[in-house]
Protein backbone atom coordinates (compact mmCIF):
# COMPACT_ATOMS: atom_id res chain seq x y z
CA UNK A 1 0.23 -0.08 -0.35
CA UNK A 2 1.30 3.50 -0.91
CA UNK A 3 0.98 5.81 1.68
CA UNK A 4 1.83 8.78 0.00
CA UNK A 5 -0.67 7.94 -2.60
CA UNK A 6 -3.87 8.26 0.25
CA UNK A 7 -5.30 11.52 0.49
CA UNK A 8 -8.07 13.10 2.83
CA UNK A 9 -8.64 16.58 4.24
CA UNK A 10 -11.76 17.13 6.90
CA UNK A 11 -13.36 19.78 4.71
CA UNK A 12 -14.34 20.90 1.03
CA UNK A 13 -15.46 17.75 -1.20
CA UNK A 14 -13.84 15.15 1.07
CA UNK A 15 -15.61 15.89 3.99
CA UNK A 16 -19.12 18.01 4.33
CA UNK A 17 -22.63 18.08 5.66
CA UNK A 18 -24.92 17.03 2.95
CA UNK A 19 -28.11 18.01 5.28
CA UNK A 20 -28.41 18.51 8.74
CA UNK A 21 -28.08 15.43 10.24
CA UNK A 22 -25.76 13.46 7.15
CA UNK A 23 -21.94 13.86 6.58
CA UNK A 24 -20.43 12.69 3.59
CA UNK A 25 -16.93 11.53 3.74
CA UNK A 26 -14.32 10.54 0.62
CA UNK A 27 -10.94 9.28 0.19
CA UNK A 28 -8.62 9.31 -2.54
CA UNK A 29 -6.35 6.61 -3.01
CA UNK A 30 -3.81 5.27 -6.11
CA UNK A 31 -5.73 3.39 -8.44
CA UNK A 32 -6.01 -0.16 -7.85
CA UNK A 33 -4.45 0.24 -4.29
CA UNK A 34 -7.11 -0.44 -1.99
CA UNK A 35 -9.37 -4.06 -2.02
CA UNK A 36 -11.37 -2.42 0.53
CA UNK A 37 -11.72 0.31 2.96
CA UNK A 38 -13.87 1.28 6.27
CA UNK A 39 -14.91 4.39 7.96
CA UNK A 40 -13.63 4.28 11.67
CA UNK A 41 -15.71 6.82 13.71
CA UNK A 42 -17.12 8.00 17.04
CA UNK A 43 -17.98 10.76 18.99
CA UNK A 44 -14.93 12.36 20.70
CA UNK A 45 -16.51 12.91 23.81
CA UNK A 46 -17.60 9.18 24.04
CA UNK A 47 -14.43 7.58 23.06
CA UNK A 48 -13.43 4.36 24.39
CA UNK A 49 -10.69 1.96 22.96
CA UNK A 50 -12.94 -0.90 23.30
CA UNK A 51 -15.59 0.76 21.45
CA UNK A 52 -13.91 1.18 18.19
CA UNK A 53 -14.41 -2.15 17.14
CA UNK A 54 -18.21 -1.75 16.61
CA UNK A 55 -17.97 1.87 15.10
CA UNK A 56 -16.93 1.06 11.47
CA UNK A 57 -18.97 1.44 8.24
CA UNK A 58 -17.63 -0.05 4.95
CA UNK A 59 -16.92 2.42 2.16
CA UNK A 60 -17.92 2.13 -1.52
CA UNK A 61 -15.71 2.63 -4.57
CA UNK A 62 -17.34 5.82 -5.77
CA UNK A 63 -15.32 6.34 -9.12
CA UNK A 64 -12.03 5.74 -10.60
CA UNK A 65 -9.90 8.22 -12.97
CA UNK A 66 -6.72 7.63 -14.92
CA UNK A 67 -4.72 7.84 -11.58
CA UNK A 68 -7.10 7.69 -8.00
CA UNK A 69 -9.94 5.78 -6.87
CA UNK A 70 -12.54 7.30 -4.92
CA UNK A 71 -13.96 5.68 -1.89
CA UNK A 72 -17.09 7.39 -0.32
CA UNK A 73 -19.50 6.70 2.55
CA UNK A 74 -22.26 8.50 4.50
CA UNK A 75 -22.84 8.51 8.17
CA UNK A 76 -25.33 10.09 10.51
CA UNK A 77 -23.57 11.33 13.52
CA UNK A 78 -25.83 10.66 16.85
CA UNK A 79 -24.48 14.20 18.39
CA UNK A 80 -23.67 16.02 14.95
CA UNK A 81 -20.00 15.82 15.64
CA UNK A 82 -17.40 13.25 14.69
CA UNK A 83 -13.96 12.23 15.06
CA UNK A 84 -13.01 9.41 12.29
CA UNK A 85 -10.11 7.80 10.48
CA UNK A 86 -10.09 4.72 7.82
CA UNK A 87 -8.92 1.25 7.97
CA UNK A 88 -7.52 0.50 4.89
CA UNK A 89 -6.86 -2.64 3.24
CA UNK A 90 -4.68 -3.75 0.24
CA UNK A 91 -3.72 -7.31 -0.89
CA UNK A 92 -1.31 -7.85 1.55
CA UNK A 93 -1.46 -4.94 4.34
CA UNK A 94 -3.37 -3.34 6.72
CA UNK A 95 -2.99 0.27 7.92
CA UNK A 96 -4.96 2.75 9.83
CA UNK A 97 -4.94 6.50 8.60
CA UNK A 98 -5.77 9.68 10.56
CA UNK A 99 -4.94 13.15 10.54
CA UNK A 100 -1.59 12.18 12.03
CA UNK A 101 -0.78 9.48 9.49
CA UNK A 102 -0.85 5.82 9.39
CA UNK A 103 -0.77 3.32 12.20
CA UNK A 104 -0.61 -0.72 11.93
CA UNK A 105 -3.51 -0.49 14.55
CA UNK A 106 -6.21 1.56 15.96
CA UNK A 107 -4.16 3.85 18.38
CA UNK A 108 -7.39 4.36 20.62
CA UNK A 109 -6.22 8.38 20.91
CA UNK A 110 -8.96 10.43 19.29
CA UNK A 111 -6.33 13.25 18.65
CA UNK A 112 -4.79 10.55 15.92
CA UNK A 113 -7.99 11.06 14.00
CA UNK A 114 -9.35 13.43 11.89
CA UNK A 115 -11.99 15.84 13.41
CA UNK A 116 -15.32 17.28 12.07
CA UNK A 117 -16.12 19.36 15.15
CA UNK A 118 -19.90 20.09 14.57
CA UNK A 119 -22.43 20.10 11.88
CA UNK A 120 -23.38 23.61 12.21
CA UNK A 121 -26.64 24.06 10.17
CA UNK A 122 -25.72 27.41 8.92
CA UNK A 123 -22.51 26.05 7.14
CA UNK A 124 -24.50 23.79 5.03
CA UNK A 125 -24.25 24.33 1.31
CA UNK A 126 -27.92 25.16 0.41
CA UNK A 127 -28.77 26.03 -3.27
CA UNK A 128 -32.29 26.76 -4.32
CA UNK A 129 -34.24 23.19 -5.01
CA UNK A 130 -36.14 24.44 -7.91
CA UNK A 131 -32.73 24.51 -9.90
CA UNK A 132 -32.81 20.75 -9.74
CA UNK A 133 -35.77 20.61 -11.81
CA UNK A 134 -34.74 23.21 -14.18
CA UNK A 135 -33.89 23.03 -18.11
CA UNK A 136 -32.31 25.94 -19.06
CA UNK A 137 -32.23 28.01 -22.32
CA UNK A 138 -29.83 30.39 -23.37
CA UNK A 139 -30.64 33.29 -25.20
CA UNK A 140 -28.32 35.97 -26.73
CA UNK A 141 -31.18 38.50 -27.22
CA UNK A 142 -29.60 40.29 -30.15
CA UNK A 143 -30.07 37.15 -32.13
CA UNK A 144 -33.34 35.32 -31.16
CA UNK A 145 -36.20 37.20 -32.46
CA UNK A 146 -36.81 40.84 -33.97
CA UNK A 147 -40.29 41.66 -32.43
CA UNK A 148 -39.97 45.69 -32.83
CA UNK A 149 -38.23 46.64 -35.77
CA UNK A 150 -38.83 50.20 -34.71
CA UNK A 151 -36.14 49.65 -31.83
CA UNK A 152 -33.44 48.35 -34.57
CA UNK A 153 -30.18 50.24 -34.19
CA UNK A 154 -28.98 52.11 -37.03
CA UNK A 155 -27.53 49.77 -39.84
CA UNK A 156 -29.37 46.63 -38.81
CA UNK A 157 -29.44 43.81 -41.20
CA UNK A 158 -32.26 42.08 -42.74
CA UNK A 159 -32.81 38.94 -39.99
CA UNK A 160 -30.75 35.95 -41.06
CA UNK A 161 -29.74 37.56 -44.20
CA UNK A 162 -25.71 37.19 -43.60
CA UNK A 163 -23.23 35.27 -41.35
CA UNK A 164 -22.61 37.37 -38.49
CA UNK A 165 -19.55 39.36 -38.00
CA UNK A 166 -18.09 40.77 -34.93
CA UNK A 167 -20.15 44.09 -35.23
CA UNK A 168 -23.36 42.97 -36.65
CA UNK A 169 -26.83 43.83 -35.64
CA UNK A 170 -29.97 41.97 -36.66
CA UNK A 171 -32.28 43.61 -34.18
CA UNK A 172 -33.31 40.94 -31.70
CA UNK A 173 -35.13 42.42 -28.76
CA UNK A 174 -37.73 41.61 -25.83
CA UNK A 175 -40.99 41.43 -27.97
CA UNK A 176 -39.20 38.90 -30.22
CA UNK A 177 -38.65 36.64 -27.08
CA UNK A 178 -42.26 37.48 -25.60
CA UNK A 179 -43.77 36.62 -29.08
CA UNK A 180 -41.97 32.88 -29.27
CA UNK A 181 -42.42 31.58 -25.33
CA UNK A 182 -44.76 29.24 -26.70
CA UNK A 183 -41.85 27.65 -28.58
CA UNK A 184 -40.00 27.50 -25.70
CA UNK A 185 -42.77 25.93 -23.37
CA UNK A 186 -43.46 23.41 -26.27
CA UNK A 187 -40.05 22.42 -25.93
CA UNK A 188 -40.56 21.79 -22.18
CA UNK A 189 -37.81 24.83 -21.04
CA UNK A 190 -38.88 26.21 -17.58
CA UNK A 191 -35.38 28.80 -17.06
CA UNK A 192 -33.93 31.30 -19.43
CA UNK A 193 -30.61 32.65 -19.14
CA UNK A 194 -30.01 35.86 -20.92
CA UNK A 195 -26.63 37.14 -22.00
CA UNK A 196 -26.29 40.94 -20.77
CA UNK A 197 -29.33 43.03 -21.60
CA UNK A 198 -27.85 46.50 -20.05
CA UNK A 199 -26.76 49.41 -21.93
CA UNK A 200 -23.78 48.94 -23.95
CA UNK A 201 -22.13 49.49 -27.35
CA UNK A 202 -21.59 46.15 -28.58
CA UNK A 203 -24.18 43.75 -29.99
CA UNK A 204 -23.25 41.21 -26.90
CA UNK A 205 -23.51 43.86 -24.44
CA UNK A 206 -20.66 42.70 -22.05
CA UNK A 207 -19.22 46.26 -22.38
CA UNK A 208 -21.72 47.90 -20.14
CA UNK A 209 -22.37 51.52 -20.16
CA UNK A 210 -25.16 51.77 -17.29
CA UNK A 211 -26.25 48.85 -15.13
CA UNK A 212 -29.43 50.47 -14.45
CA UNK A 213 -30.59 50.73 -17.94
CA UNK A 214 -31.70 48.17 -20.34
CA UNK A 215 -30.44 48.46 -23.79
CA UNK A 216 -32.81 50.83 -25.95
CA UNK A 217 -32.50 48.22 -28.83
CA UNK A 218 -33.80 45.48 -26.89
CA UNK A 219 -36.89 47.70 -25.16
CA UNK A 220 -37.83 49.57 -22.26
CA UNK A 221 -38.05 48.38 -18.53
CA UNK A 222 -42.01 48.11 -19.02
CA UNK A 223 -41.43 45.72 -21.89
CA UNK A 224 -38.63 43.90 -19.86
CA UNK A 225 -41.10 43.71 -16.85
CA UNK A 226 -43.89 42.12 -19.19
CA UNK A 227 -41.16 39.63 -20.43
CA UNK A 228 -40.55 38.50 -17.01
CA UNK A 229 -44.49 38.25 -16.12
CA UNK A 230 -44.94 36.38 -19.30
CA UNK A 231 -41.95 33.88 -18.27
CA UNK A 232 -43.65 33.42 -14.77
CA UNK A 233 -46.73 32.92 -16.12
CA UNK A 234 -45.43 29.91 -17.90
CA UNK A 235 -43.38 28.51 -15.39
CA UNK A 236 -40.21 29.95 -16.66
CA UNK A 237 -37.63 31.32 -14.30
CA UNK A 238 -35.30 34.14 -15.83
CA UNK A 239 -31.63 34.89 -15.01
CA UNK A 240 -29.69 37.74 -15.94
CA UNK A 241 -26.13 38.25 -16.86
CA UNK A 242 -23.91 40.40 -14.62
CA UNK A 243 -20.70 41.85 -15.58
CA UNK A 244 -18.85 43.08 -12.27
CA UNK A 245 -15.33 41.97 -13.28
CA UNK A 246 -15.10 45.01 -15.99
CA UNK A 247 -17.36 47.96 -16.95
CA UNK A 248 -17.45 49.13 -20.60
CA UNK A 249 -15.22 51.49 -22.13
CA UNK A 250 -18.40 54.28 -22.28
CA UNK A 251 -19.31 53.50 -18.74
CA UNK A 252 -19.75 57.05 -17.01
CA UNK A 253 -17.31 56.32 -14.34
CA UNK A 254 -14.33 55.43 -16.72
CA UNK A 255 -15.25 58.49 -19.16
CA UNK A 256 -14.73 60.77 -16.16
CA UNK A 257 -11.46 59.34 -15.65
CA UNK A 258 -10.62 59.75 -19.38
CA UNK A 259 -11.40 63.23 -19.09
CA UNK A 260 -10.57 64.53 -15.73
CA UNK A 261 -7.35 61.86 -15.25
CA UNK A 262 -6.01 62.29 -11.68
CA UNK A 263 -8.68 64.61 -10.60
CA UNK A 264 -11.30 62.29 -11.39
CA UNK A 265 -13.30 61.14 -8.01
CA UNK A 266 -13.56 57.84 -9.89
CA UNK A 267 -9.81 57.01 -10.30
CA UNK A 268 -9.67 54.49 -7.51
CA UNK A 269 -12.89 52.72 -9.30
CA UNK A 270 -10.23 51.27 -11.62
CA UNK A 271 -6.75 49.68 -11.71
CA UNK A 272 -4.57 52.40 -13.25
CA UNK A 273 -1.12 51.98 -13.80
CA UNK A 274 0.02 55.82 -14.52
CA UNK A 275 -1.28 59.12 -15.75
CA UNK A 276 -2.31 60.27 -18.21
CA UNK A 277 -4.66 57.02 -18.54
CA UNK A 278 -4.47 56.00 -22.33
CA UNK A 279 -6.78 53.14 -24.02
CA UNK A 280 -4.26 52.78 -27.23
CA UNK A 281 -2.01 51.68 -28.69
CA UNK A 282 -2.08 49.67 -25.60
CA UNK A 283 -4.13 50.34 -22.41
CA UNK A 284 -2.22 51.28 -19.36
CA UNK A 285 -4.91 50.05 -16.89
CA UNK A 286 -6.10 46.58 -15.94
CA UNK A 287 -8.52 44.88 -18.51
CA UNK A 288 -10.45 42.06 -19.17
CA UNK A 289 -8.10 39.93 -21.39
CA UNK A 290 -6.37 42.91 -22.49
CA UNK A 291 -9.23 44.74 -24.01
CA UNK A 292 -9.29 48.28 -23.84
CA UNK A 293 -12.88 48.56 -23.98
CA UNK A 294 -13.31 46.61 -21.07
CA UNK A 295 -11.66 48.03 -17.67
CA UNK A 296 -11.35 46.14 -14.79
CA UNK A 297 -13.20 47.28 -11.75
CA UNK A 298 -11.85 47.48 -8.34
CA UNK A 299 -14.37 45.76 -6.39
CA UNK A 300 -12.42 46.13 -2.96
CA UNK A 301 -13.50 49.81 -3.22
CA UNK A 302 -16.36 50.68 -0.83
CA UNK A 303 -18.11 52.99 -3.47
CA UNK A 304 -17.61 50.21 -6.49
CA UNK A 305 -18.63 47.64 -4.01
CA UNK A 306 -21.84 49.29 -2.99
CA UNK A 307 -22.84 50.71 -6.74
CA UNK A 308 -22.76 46.78 -7.76
CA UNK A 309 -24.49 45.41 -4.81
CA UNK A 310 -27.05 48.06 -5.39
CA UNK A 311 -27.47 46.54 -9.25
CA UNK A 312 -27.80 42.79 -7.87
CA UNK A 313 -30.52 44.29 -5.51
CA UNK A 314 -32.25 46.41 -8.04
CA UNK A 315 -33.04 43.80 -10.78
CA UNK A 316 -34.77 41.45 -7.99
CA UNK A 317 -36.63 44.16 -6.37
CA UNK A 318 -37.95 46.02 -9.14
CA UNK A 319 -38.56 43.10 -11.70
CA UNK A 320 -38.32 40.00 -9.44
CA UNK A 321 -35.79 38.12 -11.89
CA UNK A 322 -34.72 34.62 -10.30
CA UNK A 323 -31.16 34.63 -10.59
CA UNK A 324 -27.70 36.13 -11.52
CA UNK A 325 -25.22 34.61 -13.70
CA UNK A 326 -21.73 36.39 -12.96
CA UNK A 327 -19.18 36.76 -15.75
CA UNK A 328 -15.40 36.20 -15.18
CA UNK A 329 -16.46 35.66 -11.66
CA UNK A 330 -13.06 33.94 -10.75
CA UNK A 331 -11.34 37.34 -10.95
CA UNK A 332 -13.52 39.32 -8.41
CA UNK A 333 -12.48 39.03 -5.05
CA UNK A 334 -14.23 36.58 -2.45
CA UNK A 335 -15.10 38.86 0.05
CA UNK A 336 -17.43 40.51 -2.55
CA UNK A 337 -19.23 37.66 -3.74
CA UNK A 338 -19.94 36.95 -0.13
CA UNK A 339 -21.52 40.27 0.17
CA UNK A 340 -23.11 39.87 -2.90
CA UNK A 341 -24.80 36.62 -2.00
CA UNK A 342 -25.84 38.05 1.66
CA UNK A 343 -27.63 41.00 -0.64
CA UNK A 344 -29.17 38.34 -3.25
CA UNK A 345 -30.17 35.97 -0.61
CA UNK A 346 -31.71 38.71 1.71
CA UNK A 347 -34.31 39.85 -0.88
CA UNK A 348 -34.92 36.56 -2.35
CA UNK A 349 -33.70 33.56 -0.63
CA UNK A 350 -34.40 31.24 -3.74
CA UNK A 351 -32.45 33.23 -6.24
CA UNK A 352 -29.82 31.07 -8.10
CA UNK A 353 -26.13 32.39 -8.22
CA UNK A 354 -23.92 31.23 -10.76
CA UNK A 355 -20.62 32.07 -11.37
CA UNK A 356 -18.68 31.58 -14.87
CA UNK A 357 -15.56 29.65 -13.82
CA UNK A 358 -13.84 27.44 -16.30
CA UNK A 359 -11.36 25.62 -13.83
CA UNK A 360 -11.65 23.96 -10.24
CA UNK A 361 -14.07 26.06 -8.36
CA UNK A 362 -14.23 24.58 -4.88
CA UNK A 363 -13.15 27.59 -3.04
CA UNK A 364 -16.43 29.42 -4.63
CA UNK A 365 -18.75 26.65 -3.58
CA UNK A 366 -18.52 26.45 0.18
CA UNK A 367 -22.04 27.97 0.64
CA UNK A 368 -21.21 31.68 1.39
CA UNK A 369 -20.85 32.64 -2.40
CA UNK A 370 -22.02 30.89 -5.56
CA UNK A 371 -24.89 28.25 -5.77
CA UNK A 372 -23.11 27.01 -8.70
CA UNK A 373 -20.59 27.24 -11.50
CA UNK A 374 -20.65 26.71 -15.15
CA UNK A 375 -19.60 22.93 -15.27
CA UNK A 376 -17.23 23.03 -18.13
CA UNK A 377 -15.24 20.00 -17.12
CA UNK A 378 -18.49 18.01 -17.79
CA UNK A 379 -18.52 19.79 -21.38
CA UNK A 380 -15.35 19.33 -21.89
CA UNK A 381 -15.29 15.65 -21.13
CA UNK A 382 -18.99 15.27 -23.08
CA UNK A 383 -17.47 16.81 -26.18
CA UNK A 384 -14.22 15.19 -26.25
CA UNK A 385 -15.82 11.41 -26.01
CA UNK A 386 -19.38 12.16 -28.03
CA UNK A 387 -18.30 14.95 -30.46
CA UNK A 388 -14.55 14.77 -31.42
CA UNK A 389 -13.55 11.02 -30.50
CA UNK A 390 -10.86 12.48 -28.35
CA UNK A 391 -11.58 10.04 -25.46
CA UNK A 392 -12.94 6.52 -25.75
CA UNK A 393 -15.55 5.27 -23.33
CA UNK A 394 -12.76 4.32 -20.66
CA UNK A 395 -11.41 7.73 -20.15
CA UNK A 396 -14.63 9.05 -20.64
CA UNK A 397 -15.72 7.21 -17.80
CA UNK A 398 -12.92 8.33 -15.75
CA UNK A 399 -13.33 11.99 -16.47
CA UNK A 400 -16.75 11.53 -15.20
CA UNK A 401 -15.60 10.03 -11.99
CA UNK A 402 -13.04 13.48 -11.79
CA UNK A 403 -16.12 15.82 -12.49
CA UNK A 404 -18.29 14.30 -9.96
CA UNK A 405 -15.65 13.64 -6.87
CA UNK A 406 -14.22 17.16 -7.40
CA UNK A 407 -17.12 18.66 -5.63
CA UNK A 408 -20.07 17.62 -3.17
CA UNK A 409 -22.86 15.90 -4.18
CA UNK A 410 -25.49 18.50 -3.53
CA UNK A 411 -23.06 20.99 -5.44
CA UNK A 412 -23.23 18.39 -8.35
CA UNK A 413 -27.10 18.57 -8.13
CA UNK A 414 -27.15 22.12 -9.12
CA UNK A 415 -24.03 22.25 -11.43
CA UNK A 416 -24.69 24.29 -14.54
CA UNK A 417 -24.41 21.88 -17.25
CA UNK A 418 -24.07 23.12 -20.68
CA UNK A 419 -22.71 21.87 -24.12
CA UNK A 420 -22.31 25.16 -26.06
CA UNK A 421 -22.51 28.77 -25.82
CA UNK A 422 -21.97 32.13 -27.30
CA UNK A 423 -18.29 31.49 -26.32
CA UNK A 424 -17.84 28.14 -28.07
CA UNK A 425 -18.08 26.85 -31.64
CA UNK A 426 -21.74 25.22 -32.22
CA UNK A 427 -22.08 21.69 -31.12
CA UNK A 428 -23.69 20.62 -34.28
CA UNK A 429 -20.13 22.19 -36.03
CA UNK A 430 -17.97 20.57 -33.09
CA UNK A 431 -19.91 17.10 -34.11
CA UNK A 432 -18.63 17.53 -37.86
CA UNK A 433 -22.23 17.89 -38.90
CA UNK A 434 -23.10 14.47 -37.35
CA UNK A 435 -26.59 14.86 -35.88
CA UNK A 436 -26.69 11.30 -34.41
CA UNK A 437 -23.68 12.22 -32.43
CA UNK A 438 -25.32 15.34 -31.33
CA UNK A 439 -28.31 13.15 -30.24
CA UNK A 440 -26.16 11.30 -27.85
CA UNK A 441 -24.85 14.49 -26.25
CA UNK A 442 -28.38 15.94 -26.06
CA UNK A 443 -29.18 12.29 -24.18
CA UNK A 444 -26.25 12.39 -21.90
CA UNK A 445 -26.82 16.03 -20.90
CA UNK A 446 -30.40 15.30 -19.96
CA UNK A 447 -29.71 12.20 -17.77
CA UNK A 448 -26.93 13.30 -15.94
CA UNK A 449 -26.54 15.11 -12.41
CA UNK A 450 -26.95 18.76 -12.63
CA UNK A 451 -29.15 21.24 -14.31
CA UNK A 452 -29.10 21.17 -18.21
CA UNK A 453 -28.89 24.07 -20.19
CA UNK A 454 -29.14 24.67 -24.27
CA UNK A 455 -27.82 27.48 -26.35
CA UNK A 456 -30.67 28.68 -28.50
CA UNK A 457 -30.88 27.04 -32.14
CA UNK A 458 -28.59 23.89 -30.72
CA UNK A 459 -31.90 22.26 -30.87
CA UNK A 460 -33.05 23.08 -34.62
CA UNK A 461 -29.55 22.26 -35.55
CA UNK A 462 -27.76 25.68 -35.90
CA UNK A 463 -23.97 25.55 -36.79
CA UNK A 464 -21.16 27.91 -36.88
CA UNK A 465 -17.70 28.37 -35.74
CA UNK A 466 -16.30 30.37 -32.50
CA UNK A 467 -17.46 33.78 -32.20
CA UNK A 468 -19.21 35.12 -34.43
CA UNK A 469 -20.12 31.99 -35.78
CA UNK A 470 -21.74 30.67 -32.88
CA UNK A 471 -23.98 33.88 -32.50
CA UNK A 472 -26.00 33.41 -35.95
CA UNK A 473 -29.91 34.37 -35.94
CA UNK A 474 -32.14 31.87 -34.55
CA UNK A 475 -34.21 30.43 -37.52
CA UNK A 476 -37.96 30.49 -37.61
CA UNK A 477 -38.71 29.31 -40.48
CA UNK A 478 -39.94 25.49 -40.07
CA UNK A 479 -38.76 24.35 -43.46
CA UNK A 480 -35.28 25.55 -42.54
CA UNK A 481 -35.25 23.67 -39.07
CA UNK A 482 -34.42 20.38 -38.16
CA UNK A 483 -37.51 19.76 -36.80
CA UNK A 484 -36.76 15.74 -35.97
CA UNK A 485 -33.76 16.91 -33.79
CA UNK A 486 -36.26 19.24 -32.14
CA UNK A 487 -38.58 16.49 -31.59
CA UNK A 488 -35.72 14.47 -30.17
CA UNK A 489 -34.68 16.91 -27.53
CA UNK A 490 -38.18 17.96 -26.70
CA UNK A 491 -38.81 14.16 -25.87
CA UNK A 492 -35.53 13.55 -23.84
CA UNK A 493 -36.77 16.81 -21.77
CA UNK A 494 -40.13 15.36 -21.13
CA UNK A 495 -38.38 12.01 -20.22
CA UNK A 496 -36.33 13.94 -17.64
CA UNK A 497 -39.54 15.45 -16.32
CA UNK A 498 -41.66 12.26 -16.20
CA UNK A 499 -38.73 9.96 -14.58
CA UNK A 500 -37.11 12.66 -11.69
CA UNK A 501 -34.63 9.36 -11.22
CA UNK A 502 -33.21 10.54 -14.75
CA UNK A 503 -32.37 13.78 -13.07
CA UNK A 504 -31.45 14.95 -9.75
CA UNK A 505 -33.08 12.38 -7.88
CA UNK A 506 -31.42 9.27 -8.92
CA UNK A 507 -27.35 8.74 -8.12
CA UNK A 508 -25.34 8.31 -11.26
CA UNK A 509 -23.41 5.09 -11.45
CA UNK A 510 -21.06 3.96 -14.22
CA UNK A 511 -21.67 0.39 -15.21
CA UNK A 512 -19.58 -0.70 -18.15
CA UNK A 513 -16.94 1.22 -20.32
CA UNK A 514 -15.43 -0.54 -23.41
CA UNK A 515 -12.72 1.20 -25.21
CA UNK A 516 -12.75 -1.56 -27.94
CA UNK A 517 -16.44 -1.12 -29.03
CA UNK A 518 -16.78 2.60 -27.58
CA UNK A 519 -19.66 1.82 -25.61
CA UNK A 520 -20.83 2.87 -22.19
CA UNK A 521 -23.26 1.93 -19.98
CA UNK A 522 -24.58 3.87 -16.89
CA UNK A 523 -27.37 3.86 -14.52
CA UNK A 524 -29.46 6.29 -12.40
CA UNK A 525 -30.56 4.97 -9.16
CA UNK A 526 -33.26 5.67 -7.04
CA UNK A 527 -34.76 3.78 -3.91
CA UNK A 528 -37.51 2.70 -5.99
CA UNK A 529 -36.04 2.11 -9.60
CA UNK A 530 -33.10 1.67 -11.67
CA UNK A 531 -33.05 3.60 -15.11
CA UNK A 532 -30.09 1.81 -17.44
CA UNK A 533 -28.79 3.71 -20.28
CA UNK A 534 -26.21 2.45 -23.00
CA UNK A 535 -24.90 4.19 -25.90
CA UNK A 536 -23.12 3.32 -28.72
CA UNK A 537 -20.38 5.74 -29.47
CA UNK A 538 -19.42 4.13 -32.93
CA UNK A 539 -20.13 3.90 -36.16
CA UNK A 540 -20.69 0.08 -36.17
CA UNK A 541 -23.32 -2.16 -34.72
CA UNK A 542 -22.84 -3.31 -31.39
CA UNK A 543 -24.46 -6.23 -29.38
CA UNK A 544 -24.33 -5.84 -25.50
CA UNK A 545 -24.83 -8.38 -22.86
CA UNK A 546 -26.40 -5.69 -20.30
CA UNK A 547 -25.13 -6.94 -16.83
CA UNK A 548 -28.33 -8.22 -15.31
CA UNK A 549 -30.87 -10.52 -15.28
CA UNK A 550 -34.10 -9.72 -16.57
CA UNK A 551 -36.08 -12.67 -16.60
CA UNK A 552 -38.13 -11.83 -13.40
CA UNK A 553 -38.39 -8.59 -14.29
CA UNK A 554 -40.27 -6.33 -16.80
CA UNK A 555 -37.90 -3.72 -18.18
CA UNK A 556 -39.20 -1.36 -20.45
CA UNK A 557 -37.40 0.45 -23.20
CA UNK A 558 -38.81 4.02 -22.41
CA UNK A 559 -37.54 5.18 -25.52
CA UNK A 560 -39.64 3.15 -27.58
CA UNK A 561 -42.20 1.93 -24.89
CA UNK A 562 -41.13 -1.56 -25.58
CA UNK A 563 -40.85 -4.56 -23.30
CA UNK A 564 -37.21 -5.64 -22.98
CA UNK A 565 -37.12 -9.68 -23.06
CA UNK A 566 -33.63 -10.31 -22.79
CA UNK A 567 -30.38 -8.76 -21.18
CA UNK A 568 -28.75 -9.03 -24.98
CA UNK A 569 -29.50 -5.57 -26.67
CA UNK A 570 -28.33 -4.55 -30.13
CA UNK A 571 -27.52 -1.07 -30.81
CA UNK A 572 -26.91 0.33 -34.11
CA UNK A 573 -24.38 3.27 -34.76
CA UNK A 574 -24.83 5.93 -32.53
CA UNK A 575 -27.63 4.23 -31.06
CA UNK A 576 -28.85 4.20 -27.20
CA UNK A 577 -31.50 2.43 -25.26
CA UNK A 578 -32.97 3.58 -22.26
CA UNK A 579 -34.28 1.12 -19.97
CA UNK A 580 -36.38 1.39 -16.65
CA UNK A 581 -36.39 -1.59 -14.52
CA UNK A 582 -39.23 -2.06 -11.97
CA UNK A 583 -37.21 -2.51 -8.90
CA UNK A 584 -33.77 -1.43 -7.73
CA UNK A 585 -30.97 -3.26 -8.87
């Protein structure tokens, strides 16, 4: 047993309170090193050496990636506090592992073991329950629908007449969204994520001019209020995009800096390196990604902080929005986000706070800042397997283990699972226009743990390379839409809603991966049922022997509503099966 390849820490994703009674504990070990593992546990104030032999609980192998195994156990400490360690077995060795290292036998000393001092309810990570049942739809307002041509900016092009450029305008607005709410409800959408709607110069609006005003090309506040009301009447929640890391070039405070330089009352609102402040040829102030038009805001400054917190407060109080998506969230200080959460949750406790972070996000997901982050590790693994064929089935399973074990389970349940967005090429394009691969992507996204998001138009087969190609106008002509793909996505969303175990009310379990045939079998399990899903991510017919005996059960293929009479299943190229089993297995 390699001692240096065993890891645990009594916090973050390794030890956490799942609810007010239950602790989840996870251990990481070298892949294949342990044959079994047990949790040793007890109350620190009722500790007796003799009692330890009874206070053990077997751990389960939760997942495996390319380097590590992850062992997991749930425990309900009677008095909401715990001292604990691990009894570990390899083929030829037994060791006890605690905070002070390794012993060959139980030392009988509480100080040797890890400590979870007390399960304080205020420290439990809590996200809105409604998010677990939400299927999101991301709308880039400038490109969804033009409902009021009178609002069109100067130089607006006829809808969808040409491929977009970085500075193209086509006139998308709120009225166009209102006019197409029925389309979204028909698809099964119950959450909309809008990219920025505030006054800005660009078509994407990430260069905010005024955080308290709607861009006039979209409409006015009265129209926006009507949009929110229409959404809520149709059971659709609304999340806005906030850009607090940086403002736009024409933000009033930054314009004052350019005009008054060292005499500007706003000079400390930004990170200025020298005077005079010059945007070109290179900005001599901090910006987003060296872009002179997006000067970075100093969120540690009291006036900046109060201004932005008021923004977070205003759009909830005045318009009853349901959440905030926070752009470039990792470059803003943690204290600002703690205060932002306090402000938002005080006004609307059930508001959803989502951060845009592309890397390990555990520091933001401790319950004091965000409810979730955009789950790009899920995105990358899914695209690499289904779309690009850069991972085989075994490697894909390993990546999923890494994704799921990186965070606590209740964090995963509200993770924002996207396949494409305004920042990435269209998923059909990534699939090299292979629609069957795209269907598998949607199938997996809509049966995985987390809250899925569909980028507008992906469900009807819009294509396009990276920005600006991924920001084409939505197609509203039925003859130009892929209606068969739309029907597929609609049916998958309906299945997720009809069978909650397919969503966040079922544990995800990898059953079988095969790198030669490139098939992947996984299950979603609850106490009452199991749904087994098998996918063939190859261009060949394959026959699978599902690892269960169906002779005494009445399994049903939920996609075709057919009884399954044998554990032998044939899958066509890029085919799948979704099998409901009447009892848990």
